[in-house]
Structure formats: C-alpha cells, structure tokens
Amino acid sequence: MQNRRSFVSQSAALATAAAFPLVAGAQPKTVKVGVLHPVTGALAYSGQQCRLGALMAIEDINAAGGIKSLGGAKLEALLGDAQSQPQTGAAEVEKMNEAGVSAIVGAYASAICLATTQAAAKYNLPHVVDVGVADQIVERGLKNTFRFGPGYRKSTEVAMANLLVLNKAAGNPAKTVMIIHEESLFGAGTAQLLSRELPGYGFEVKEVVKHANPTRDFNNIVLRMKSISPDIVIPANYYNEYALLVRTMQQQKVVPKAIFSVLGGAASSYKFVKEFPDAANGIIDCNHWFNPKDKRSQELRKRVEAKGQFFSYEVFMTYTSMWLLADALERAKSAERAAIVDALEKSTFSNHIMPYGPTKFVNGQNEGAQPLMTQVVKNDIKVIIPRDYREVDPVFPLRAA
C-alpha cells in the first residue's frame, strides 16, 4: 500500500487516473471526501448514477460558498471504485484513509456498504450510507456509520401494510405471491422478511426463487411462474435483472394481478419506463423516492436529464446524503473525524428533497426516513401512497380477477 504522502502526491499529479482520480482542482482550503461506489462490474450503472449525484451535490455545495464555518472551505472529492465487490470496496477505504479524507459517502449496494463501513470504523472515519438497505449495516454498533434512507425492514413493513389496504379496498382479489430475488444481502434479506411477514397479512407465499448476479436468462423462472400462476409477483433485485425479468414475463405473456415491488431495482426507474414502457406499465413499488411536491426535486431532475442521464433514486439519494454531510461539517466547524461523527449524531438536517422531515439518527439510522409507494402510469412514475404525497390514485389489481 502506498504511504499517505506518495498517494496524495500521485493523486494530485494524476488527476485523471481511472483507478482513483482526484476530482477537484487545487484549492486554498478543502475538505477531502471519499466518494465510493461500484462504477464497474455488475452494478456499474447504479454506481455511476450514485457518483453523478455525489458530484452534483459537491458542485452545488461549493457554488453556494462551501463550508462557511470553515472559511468557505470547498469539498474535494476522492473517487473510489468498489468494482461491485465488497472486498474491493474495503480496499478503497484503506486508500481513502491513507489519503486523509474526512468522511466517506457510499457505497450503494448493501454487501459493499457492510464491508466499507466496517473498514472505515477502524479509523473512526465517518461513513454516510447513501442507499444500502440491509439493516445489518446499522446494527453492529459502529459509531462512524450513518444511513440517511430507510432499511429493508422499514420498507417491507410499509409495503406490506399498503398491499393489505390496496387488496382489501379491491375486494381481496389477490391471495397468492411469488418472490424472485437476487442472491446477495439485499435480495436475500428482503425475501426473508417478505416470506415471514406475508402470511400474517393473509397471503400465501407459493414460491421463493433465488437467482445469481448477473443473470442473463429468466425463461425458466418465468415458466415456473406461469405454472404456479401467483396473483402477485414480488421482485427484489437490481436494475439489470429486474428489467430482464419483467420483459421476459411480457414476452411469455405472464400477467399477474400485480407486480408489486419492494425496493425494486427498475420499478421506480425512468430509464426502465422509457426503454420498456409496456413492460413497466402498472408496476407498483415501495422504494426510495423524492418529495414530488418540493419544486427543488423537479429542478434537480431537469439538471440531471440535461446531462443526458436519468433521475434515478441512486442520484437523488447520494445527492442528498452529500448535503447531509455538508450540514454536519458546517455544524462541526471542523474537518476532524471525531467532530464530524458527533455532528452527524446530533443532526436535525431538514433542508432536503426527501419526504423525511428533520433527520434524527438513532444507532446510525435516520428514524425519519420513509419509502414512498409509486406506480408507473401513462409512461411516468407517480406517487400513490401516502396521501400527503399522492399524485394519482392507485390502480389495483392491474388485471381483473
């Protein structure tokens, strides 16, 4: 491993290096922040979207005057690539620590976040988790770890309660469920929670099917789906596999009463809606989503789309997580790690576009975080639940009994 001095000097000299580029130019006063995501490998699309959100936030924070309590210090991004592997993510944390970052924002996938937060904890290095939903991330007593968004337990509880309400309002047409999930911590954990909770809500779980990452063919799984004919299909997987699964269902003319996702990788994705509008139509999802009534959400969406990118949850979750860190730095009045951890613990950050209200961390979890229920309607994604954020009434079931 390079020592700190040689690593920093080489990073400065080779600002365009692909492996670990230094983004910001030389500044008189800067606060170094690690931006760590899987920008290559199976999760590359989502990782790149996260990186986009982080860098847009840094741009906005710096344009607004930087960290004013530190004399207008600018944020300086040190980029890391977890390569879609937890062990690589942990190795990147070691590099970032050597480079002297004050905090890290990342690392998208649950399994990677589990590894990166643990690695950062060795150095009391503050780590803001932008997306990773596995609750184990915040259940290990790590004082350096702060997750801004909801975990899969909270998301599952919200999803199940709302599924019960939707089904009851429609006359209880749906009685059986099939769960298809990816094999890693996110998918397996979500599927386990769903399998345990669904019977208590009156639904029979007909089958739970696990698939690898990546998976390039869902024909056999969809043939099985056709044979058992579940009323509801619940996918829990990342973007590529989610999109392929639903497209395969469309090709094989498998039309359940509902595709009801919990943290679906493509279900709340403008990219999926644009590329496969017929397959996306009607899908319901319980997921990370912005406050549609906050005009800043739409302003940010326009800026992202002007860059030729989609306004995905990865973008706005990481964008907001970086602002959370900036707020902590402002109140800490210091770039020292211990001071930042203390400021995050006491955070009441509320100047954001998420439907969370003021931030309140309990054991590293933002207690105000909540998912929203969305549905794809007329080639757009609209909030259906809760009523405070509702844009359209839900359509359930999508196919009549």
Protein backbone atom coordinates (compact mmCIF):
# COMPACT_ATOMS: atom_id res chain seq x y z
CA MET A 1 0.00 0.00 0.00
CA GLN A 2 1.25 3.47 -0.82
CA ASN A 3 2.08 5.67 2.11
CA ARG A 4 -0.05 8.74 2.57
CA ARG A 5 2.43 11.23 1.17
CA SER A 6 3.10 9.35 -2.05
CA PHE A 7 -0.58 8.55 -2.55
CA VAL A 8 -1.66 12.18 -2.19
CA SER A 9 1.13 13.48 -4.40
CA GLN A 10 0.40 10.95 -7.11
CA SER A 11 -3.32 11.67 -6.93
CA ALA A 12 -2.65 15.36 -7.38
CA ALA A 13 -0.31 14.75 -10.27
CA LEU A 14 -2.56 12.23 -11.98
CA ALA A 15 -5.96 13.82 -11.54
CA THR A 16 -7.40 11.90 -14.45
CA ALA A 17 -6.21 8.46 -13.33
CA ALA A 18 -9.03 5.97 -13.80
CA ALA A 19 -8.42 3.91 -10.69
CA PHE A 20 -8.64 6.68 -8.11
CA PRO A 21 -8.88 10.15 -9.65
CA LEU A 22 -8.79 13.38 -7.68
CA VAL A 23 -11.76 15.39 -8.90
CA ALA A 24 -11.41 18.90 -7.56
CA GLY A 25 -8.56 21.12 -8.63
CA ALA A 26 -6.10 22.60 -6.15
CA GLN A 27 -7.92 24.85 -3.67
CA PRO A 28 -6.58 27.05 -0.89
CA LYS A 29 -8.79 25.27 1.66
CA THR A 30 -10.52 21.96 1.05
CA VAL A 31 -12.18 19.14 2.91
CA LYS A 32 -11.46 15.78 1.32
CA VAL A 33 -14.47 13.49 0.97
CA GLY A 34 -14.36 9.91 -0.30
CA VAL A 35 -16.99 9.13 -2.95
CA LEU A 36 -17.08 5.36 -3.12
CA HIS A 37 -19.33 3.33 -5.43
CA PRO A 38 -19.29 0.28 -7.74
CA VAL A 39 -18.73 2.12 -11.03
CA THR A 40 -17.50 -1.02 -12.84
CA GLY A 41 -18.76 -4.60 -12.72
CA ALA A 42 -22.31 -5.89 -12.44
CA LEU A 43 -23.57 -2.84 -10.53
CA ALA A 44 -21.82 -0.26 -12.70
CA TYR A 45 -24.93 1.61 -13.87
CA SER A 46 -26.20 2.21 -10.35
CA GLY A 47 -22.74 3.05 -9.08
CA GLN A 48 -22.23 5.60 -11.83
CA GLN A 49 -25.60 7.15 -11.02
CA CYS A 50 -24.60 7.44 -7.37
CA ARG A 51 -21.32 9.08 -8.34
CA LEU A 52 -23.21 11.56 -10.51
CA GLY A 53 -25.43 12.53 -7.58
CA ALA A 54 -22.45 12.96 -5.26
CA LEU A 55 -20.51 15.14 -7.69
CA MET A 56 -23.55 17.30 -8.48
CA ALA A 57 -24.03 17.87 -4.76
CA ILE A 58 -20.38 18.79 -4.28
CA GLU A 59 -20.66 21.21 -7.19
CA ASP A 60 -23.73 22.83 -5.62
CA ILE A 61 -22.26 22.95 -2.12
CA ASN A 62 -19.08 24.59 -3.37
CA ALA A 63 -21.01 27.03 -5.59
CA ALA A 64 -23.06 28.06 -2.55
CA GLY A 65 -19.92 29.10 -0.72
CA GLY A 66 -18.53 25.82 0.59
CA ILE A 67 -18.40 25.13 4.30
CA LYS A 68 -18.84 28.61 5.70
CA SER A 69 -17.89 27.74 9.28
CA LEU A 70 -14.53 26.63 7.85
CA GLY A 71 -13.94 29.87 5.99
CA GLY A 72 -15.67 28.72 2.81
CA ALA A 73 -13.66 25.51 2.51
CA LYS A 74 -14.59 23.59 -0.62
CA LEU A 75 -15.35 19.88 -0.72
CA GLU A 76 -12.78 17.89 -2.67
CA ALA A 77 -13.92 14.50 -3.98
CA LEU A 78 -11.63 11.49 -3.97
CA LEU A 79 -13.27 8.86 -6.15
CA GLY A 80 -13.17 5.16 -5.41
CA ASP A 81 -14.44 2.19 -7.41
CA ALA A 82 -15.64 -0.83 -5.45
CA GLN A 83 -15.83 -2.79 -8.73
CA SER A 84 -19.10 -4.37 -7.49
CA GLN A 85 -17.12 -6.38 -4.90
CA PRO A 86 -17.23 -5.88 -1.10
CA GLN A 87 -13.55 -6.70 -0.63
CA THR A 88 -12.55 -4.14 -3.25
CA GLY A 89 -14.73 -1.56 -1.56
CA ALA A 90 -12.94 -2.22 1.73
CA ALA A 91 -9.56 -1.86 0.00
CA GLU A 92 -10.66 1.51 -1.40
CA VAL A 93 -11.48 2.66 2.13
CA GLU A 94 -7.89 1.87 3.12
CA LYS A 95 -6.64 4.07 0.28
CA MET A 96 -9.01 6.87 1.24
CA ASN A 97 -7.89 6.72 4.85
CA GLU A 98 -4.26 6.97 3.74
CA ALA A 99 -5.20 9.95 1.58
CA GLY A 100 -6.63 11.75 4.60
CA VAL A 101 -10.32 12.01 3.74
CA SER A 102 -12.52 13.47 6.47
CA ALA A 103 -15.53 11.30 5.59
CA ILE A 104 -16.90 8.85 3.02
CA VAL A 105 -20.23 8.80 1.20
CA GLY A 106 -21.27 5.49 -0.42
CA ALA A 107 -21.32 2.66 -1.28
CA TYR A 108 -24.73 1.82 -2.83
CA ALA A 109 -25.06 -1.98 -2.51
CA SER A 110 -25.76 -3.50 0.91
CA ALA A 111 -22.96 -6.06 0.79
CA ILE A 112 -20.44 -3.39 -0.21
CA CYS A 113 -21.69 -0.97 2.45
CA LEU A 114 -21.35 -3.71 5.07
CA ALA A 115 -17.67 -4.05 4.15
CA THR A 116 -16.84 -0.36 3.68
CA THR A 117 -18.44 0.80 6.93
CA GLN A 118 -16.56 -1.88 8.85
CA ALA A 119 -13.27 -0.89 7.23
CA ALA A 120 -13.91 2.79 7.94
CA ALA A 121 -14.78 2.06 11.57
CA LYS A 122 -11.15 1.04 12.24
CA TYR A 123 -10.18 4.68 11.75
CA ASN A 124 -13.31 6.31 13.21
CA LEU A 125 -13.83 7.55 9.66
CA PRO A 126 -17.38 8.92 9.24
CA HIS A 127 -19.30 6.92 6.62
CA VAL A 128 -22.64 8.17 5.33
CA VAL A 129 -24.53 5.29 3.69
CA ASP A 130 -26.45 6.60 0.72
CA VAL A 131 -28.55 3.60 -0.35
CA GLY A 132 -27.57 0.22 1.18
CA VAL A 133 -30.77 -1.15 2.74
CA ALA A 134 -29.61 -4.20 4.72
CA ASP A 135 -30.33 -3.43 8.36
CA GLN A 136 -27.17 -5.25 9.46
CA ILE A 137 -25.29 -2.16 8.28
CA VAL A 138 -26.58 -0.16 11.26
CA GLU A 139 -26.99 -3.00 13.74
CA ARG A 140 -23.33 -3.64 14.59
CA GLY A 141 -22.82 -0.71 16.92
CA LEU A 142 -20.48 1.15 14.56
CA LYS A 143 -20.29 4.74 15.79
CA ASN A 144 -18.97 6.01 12.45
CA THR A 145 -21.89 4.76 10.32
CA PHE A 146 -24.97 6.82 9.41
CA ARG A 147 -27.69 5.73 6.99
CA PHE A 148 -29.87 8.55 5.69
CA GLY A 149 -32.54 6.42 3.95
CA PRO A 150 -34.79 3.60 5.19
CA GLY A 151 -33.67 -0.01 5.50
CA TYR A 152 -35.40 -3.06 4.11
CA ARG A 153 -37.25 -3.81 7.36
CA LYS A 154 -38.94 -0.40 7.33
CA SER A 155 -39.58 -0.65 3.59
CA THR A 156 -41.08 -4.13 3.92
CA GLU A 157 -43.37 -3.06 6.75
CA VAL A 158 -44.65 -0.10 4.75
CA ALA A 159 -45.09 -2.21 1.61
CA MET A 160 -46.99 -4.99 3.37
CA ALA A 161 -49.32 -2.62 5.21
CA ASN A 162 -50.16 -0.83 1.97
CA LEU A 163 -50.58 -4.06 -0.01
CA LEU A 164 -53.13 -5.18 2.57
CA VAL A 165 -55.02 -1.88 2.23
CA LEU A 166 -54.97 -1.96 -1.59
CA ASN A 167 -56.10 -5.58 -1.73
CA LYS A 168 -58.88 -5.06 0.81
CA ALA A 169 -60.17 -1.97 -1.00
CA ALA A 170 -60.35 -4.03 -4.22
CA GLY A 171 -62.28 -6.87 -2.56
CA ASN A 172 -59.28 -9.10 -1.74
CA PRO A 173 -58.67 -10.41 -5.28
CA ALA A 174 -55.04 -11.34 -4.56
CA LYS A 175 -54.28 -14.30 -2.33
CA THR A 176 -51.00 -15.84 -3.56
CA VAL A 177 -47.49 -14.47 -4.03
CA MET A 178 -44.25 -15.49 -5.73
CA ILE A 179 -40.99 -13.81 -4.70
CA ILE A 180 -38.00 -13.62 -7.05
CA HIS A 181 -34.82 -12.23 -5.50
CA GLU A 182 -31.15 -11.75 -6.22
CA GLU A 183 -28.65 -13.73 -4.18
CA SER A 184 -26.78 -11.03 -2.23
CA LEU A 185 -27.50 -9.46 1.14
CA PHE A 186 -30.13 -7.06 -0.23
CA GLY A 187 -32.23 -9.57 -2.15
CA ALA A 188 -31.89 -12.46 0.28
CA GLY A 189 -32.66 -10.29 3.30
CA THR A 190 -35.69 -8.66 1.67
CA ALA A 191 -37.05 -12.03 0.53
CA GLN A 192 -36.62 -13.49 4.01
CA LEU A 193 -38.56 -10.63 5.57
CA LEU A 194 -41.32 -10.88 2.97
CA SER A 195 -41.63 -14.65 3.36
CA ARG A 196 -42.01 -14.25 7.10
CA GLU A 197 -44.46 -11.33 7.03
CA LEU A 198 -46.77 -12.07 4.10
CA PRO A 199 -48.70 -14.99 5.69
CA GLY A 200 -49.59 -12.74 8.61
CA TYR A 201 -51.25 -10.39 6.14
CA GLY A 202 -53.28 -13.22 4.65
CA PHE A 203 -51.14 -14.02 1.61
CA GLU A 204 -49.85 -17.46 0.70
CA VAL A 205 -46.24 -17.48 -0.49
CA LYS A 206 -46.32 -20.05 -3.30
CA GLU A 207 -42.61 -19.98 -4.03
CA VAL A 208 -39.39 -18.07 -3.34
CA VAL A 209 -36.82 -18.19 -6.15
CA LYS A 210 -33.23 -17.00 -5.87
CA HIS A 211 -31.10 -16.01 -8.86
CA ALA A 212 -27.45 -15.12 -9.37
CA ASN A 213 -25.92 -11.73 -10.13
CA PRO A 214 -25.70 -11.32 -13.02
CA THR A 215 -28.45 -13.43 -14.59
CA ARG A 216 -28.92 -13.25 -18.34
CA ASP A 217 -31.89 -15.59 -18.83
CA PHE A 218 -35.14 -15.69 -16.84
CA ASN A 219 -37.05 -18.02 -19.14
CA ASN A 220 -37.04 -20.99 -16.75
CA ILE A 221 -38.06 -18.86 -13.78
CA VAL A 222 -40.92 -17.31 -15.76
CA LEU A 223 -42.03 -20.74 -16.99
CA ARG A 224 -42.20 -21.79 -13.35
CA MET A 225 -44.15 -18.62 -12.60
CA LYS A 226 -46.60 -19.49 -15.35
CA SER A 227 -47.12 -22.97 -13.93
CA ILE A 228 -47.93 -21.84 -10.38
CA SER A 229 -49.82 -18.69 -11.52
CA PRO A 230 -49.35 -16.39 -8.50
CA ASP A 231 -51.68 -13.44 -8.10
CA ILE A 232 -48.79 -11.15 -7.20
CA VAL A 233 -45.14 -11.26 -8.27
CA ILE A 234 -42.67 -9.53 -5.96
CA PRO A 235 -39.20 -9.00 -7.45
CA ALA A 236 -36.29 -7.94 -5.21
CA ASN A 237 -33.28 -7.43 -7.45
CA TYR A 238 -31.03 -4.84 -9.07
CA TYR A 239 -31.76 -2.93 -12.25
CA ASN A 240 -30.49 -5.27 -14.99
CA GLU A 241 -32.10 -8.42 -13.60
CA TYR A 242 -35.32 -6.66 -12.67
CA ALA A 243 -35.72 -5.26 -16.17
CA LEU A 244 -34.94 -8.60 -17.81
CA LEU A 245 -37.33 -10.50 -15.53
CA VAL A 246 -40.27 -8.21 -16.28
CA ARG A 247 -39.51 -8.16 -20.01
CA THR A 248 -39.39 -11.97 -20.01
CA MET A 249 -42.77 -12.04 -18.28
CA GLN A 250 -44.13 -9.78 -21.00
CA GLN A 251 -42.67 -11.95 -23.77
CA GLN A 252 -44.18 -15.11 -22.25
CA LYS A 253 -47.48 -13.29 -21.68
CA VAL A 254 -47.44 -13.82 -17.93
CA VAL A 255 -49.74 -11.16 -16.47
CA PRO A 256 -50.34 -11.41 -12.72
CA LYS A 257 -52.87 -9.25 -10.94
CA ALA A 258 -49.96 -7.10 -9.83
CA ILE A 259 -46.21 -6.73 -9.95
CA PHE A 260 -45.61 -5.33 -6.50
CA SER A 261 -42.00 -4.49 -5.75
CA VAL A 262 -40.19 -3.81 -2.53
CA LEU A 263 -37.07 -1.77 -3.32
CA GLY A 264 -37.31 -2.86 -6.95
CA GLY A 265 -34.18 -2.15 -8.94
CA ALA A 266 -36.05 -0.96 -12.04
CA ALA A 267 -39.60 -0.50 -10.77
CA SER A 268 -39.09 3.19 -9.92
CA SER A 269 -36.73 3.92 -12.79
CA TYR A 270 -37.32 6.48 -15.53
CA LYS A 271 -34.77 4.58 -17.60
CA PHE A 272 -36.88 1.41 -17.46
CA VAL A 273 -40.08 3.30 -18.17
CA LYS A 274 -38.55 4.97 -21.22
CA GLU A 275 -36.88 1.86 -22.65
CA PHE A 276 -39.66 -0.66 -21.90
CA PRO A 277 -42.90 1.29 -21.36
CA ASP A 278 -45.26 -1.63 -21.96
CA ALA A 279 -43.42 -3.92 -19.56
CA ALA A 280 -43.25 -1.17 -16.93
CA ASN A 281 -46.89 -0.16 -17.11
CA GLY A 282 -48.77 -0.52 -13.84
CA ILE A 283 -45.85 -1.74 -11.69
CA ILE A 284 -46.16 -0.73 -8.05
CA ASP A 285 -43.05 -0.17 -5.96
CA CYS A 286 -42.18 0.70 -2.38
CA ASN A 287 -38.88 2.45 -2.70
CA HIS A 288 -36.66 5.47 -2.12
CA TRP A 289 -38.40 8.44 -3.68
CA PHE A 290 -38.21 12.21 -3.56
CA ASN A 291 -40.91 14.58 -2.34
CA PRO A 292 -42.85 15.32 -5.56
CA LYS A 293 -44.29 18.49 -4.02
CA ASP A 294 -40.87 20.06 -3.46
CA LYS A 295 -40.08 22.13 -6.55
CA ARG A 296 -36.36 21.56 -5.99
CA SER A 297 -36.90 17.90 -6.90
CA GLN A 298 -38.04 18.77 -10.38
CA GLU A 299 -35.30 21.36 -10.78
CA LEU A 300 -32.69 18.73 -9.94
CA ARG A 301 -34.36 16.24 -12.27
CA LYS A 302 -34.11 18.73 -15.15
CA ARG A 303 -30.42 19.27 -14.48
CA VAL A 304 -29.72 15.54 -14.41
CA GLU A 305 -31.65 14.98 -17.63
CA ALA A 306 -29.80 17.90 -19.25
CA LYS A 307 -26.65 15.84 -18.70
CA GLY A 308 -28.24 13.01 -20.68
CA GLN A 309 -28.85 10.90 -17.54
CA PHE A 310 -31.92 9.58 -15.76
CA PHE A 311 -33.12 10.96 -12.42
CA SER A 312 -32.85 7.66 -10.57
CA TYR A 313 -33.05 7.01 -6.84
CA GLU A 314 -29.28 6.46 -6.82
CA VAL A 315 -28.79 10.05 -7.97
CA PHE A 316 -31.06 11.81 -5.52
CA MET A 317 -30.22 9.57 -2.55
CA THR A 318 -26.47 10.20 -2.91
CA TYR A 319 -27.03 13.87 -3.76
CA THR A 320 -28.96 14.35 -0.52
CA SER A 321 -26.52 12.25 1.52
CA MET A 322 -23.70 14.56 0.47
CA TRP A 323 -25.72 17.57 1.61
CA LEU A 324 -26.29 15.79 4.93
CA LEU A 325 -22.51 15.51 5.33
CA ALA A 326 -22.03 19.16 4.36
CA ASP A 327 -24.54 20.19 7.01
CA ALA A 328 -22.62 18.15 9.60
CA LEU A 329 -19.33 19.76 8.56
CA GLU A 330 -20.93 23.18 8.88
CA ARG A 331 -22.06 22.47 12.43
CA ALA A 332 -18.87 20.65 13.41
CA LYS A 333 -16.80 23.68 12.38
CA SER A 334 -14.04 21.16 11.83
CA ALA A 335 -12.78 18.63 9.31
CA GLU A 336 -11.70 16.32 12.14
CA ARG A 337 -13.37 12.92 12.05
CA ALA A 338 -14.50 12.81 15.67
CA ALA A 339 -16.15 16.22 15.36
CA ILE A 340 -17.99 15.14 12.20
CA VAL A 341 -19.23 11.94 13.85
CA ASP A 342 -20.53 13.99 16.77
CA ALA A 343 -22.27 16.44 14.42
CA LEU A 344 -23.90 13.61 12.47
CA GLU A 345 -25.13 12.01 15.70
CA LYS A 346 -26.85 15.29 16.59
CA SER A 347 -28.11 16.05 13.08
CA THR A 348 -31.52 17.62 12.51
CA PHE A 349 -30.85 18.17 8.80
CA SER A 350 -34.15 19.03 7.06
CA ASN A 351 -33.21 21.21 4.08
CA HIS A 352 -33.58 18.39 1.56
CA ILE A 353 -35.91 16.99 -1.13
CA MET A 354 -36.76 13.70 0.56
CA PRO A 355 -40.09 13.02 2.37
CA TYR A 356 -38.31 12.55 5.69
CA GLY A 357 -38.64 15.72 7.72
CA PRO A 358 -35.84 16.55 10.17
CA THR A 359 -33.07 13.97 10.43
CA LYS A 360 -32.77 12.06 13.70
CA PHE A 361 -30.14 9.35 14.00
CA VAL A 362 -30.68 6.52 16.47
CA ASN A 363 -27.85 3.97 16.41
CA GLY A 364 -26.85 5.26 13.00
CA GLN A 365 -30.30 5.01 11.39
CA ASN A 366 -32.29 8.08 10.36
CA GLU A 367 -35.59 7.49 12.14
CA GLY A 368 -37.40 9.97 9.90
CA ALA A 369 -36.61 8.08 6.70
CA GLN A 370 -39.52 6.51 4.87
CA PRO A 371 -40.13 4.97 1.46
CA LEU A 372 -42.97 6.07 -0.80
CA MET A 373 -45.29 3.89 -2.88
CA THR A 374 -45.15 4.62 -6.60
CA GLN A 375 -46.86 3.26 -9.71
CA VAL A 376 -45.99 3.50 -13.39
CA VAL A 377 -48.90 5.35 -15.00
CA LYS A 378 -49.01 6.58 -18.62
CA ASN A 379 -45.26 6.29 -19.08
CA ASP A 380 -44.47 8.19 -15.91
CA ILE A 381 -43.81 7.34 -12.26
CA LYS A 382 -46.31 8.76 -9.80
CA VAL A 383 -46.63 8.59 -6.02
CA ILE A 384 -49.77 6.74 -4.91
CA ILE A 385 -49.20 6.39 -1.14
CA PRO A 386 -49.19 8.11 1.34
CA ARG A 387 -51.89 10.67 0.71
CA ASP A 388 -49.66 13.55 1.78
CA TYR A 389 -47.55 12.95 -1.34
CA ARG A 390 -50.13 11.31 -3.64
CA GLU A 391 -50.11 12.37 -7.29
CA VAL A 392 -52.56 9.79 -8.70
CA ASP A 393 -54.92 7.16 -7.29
CA PRO A 394 -53.54 3.61 -7.32
CA VAL A 395 -54.69 1.05 -9.89
CA PHE A 396 -55.03 -2.35 -8.18
CA PRO A 397 -55.36 -5.03 -9.36
CA LEU A 398 -53.86 -4.27 -12.74
CA ARG A 399 -55.57 -7.34 -14.22
CA ALA A 400 -59.12 -8.07 -13.19
CA ALA A 401 -59.79 -11.24 -11.23
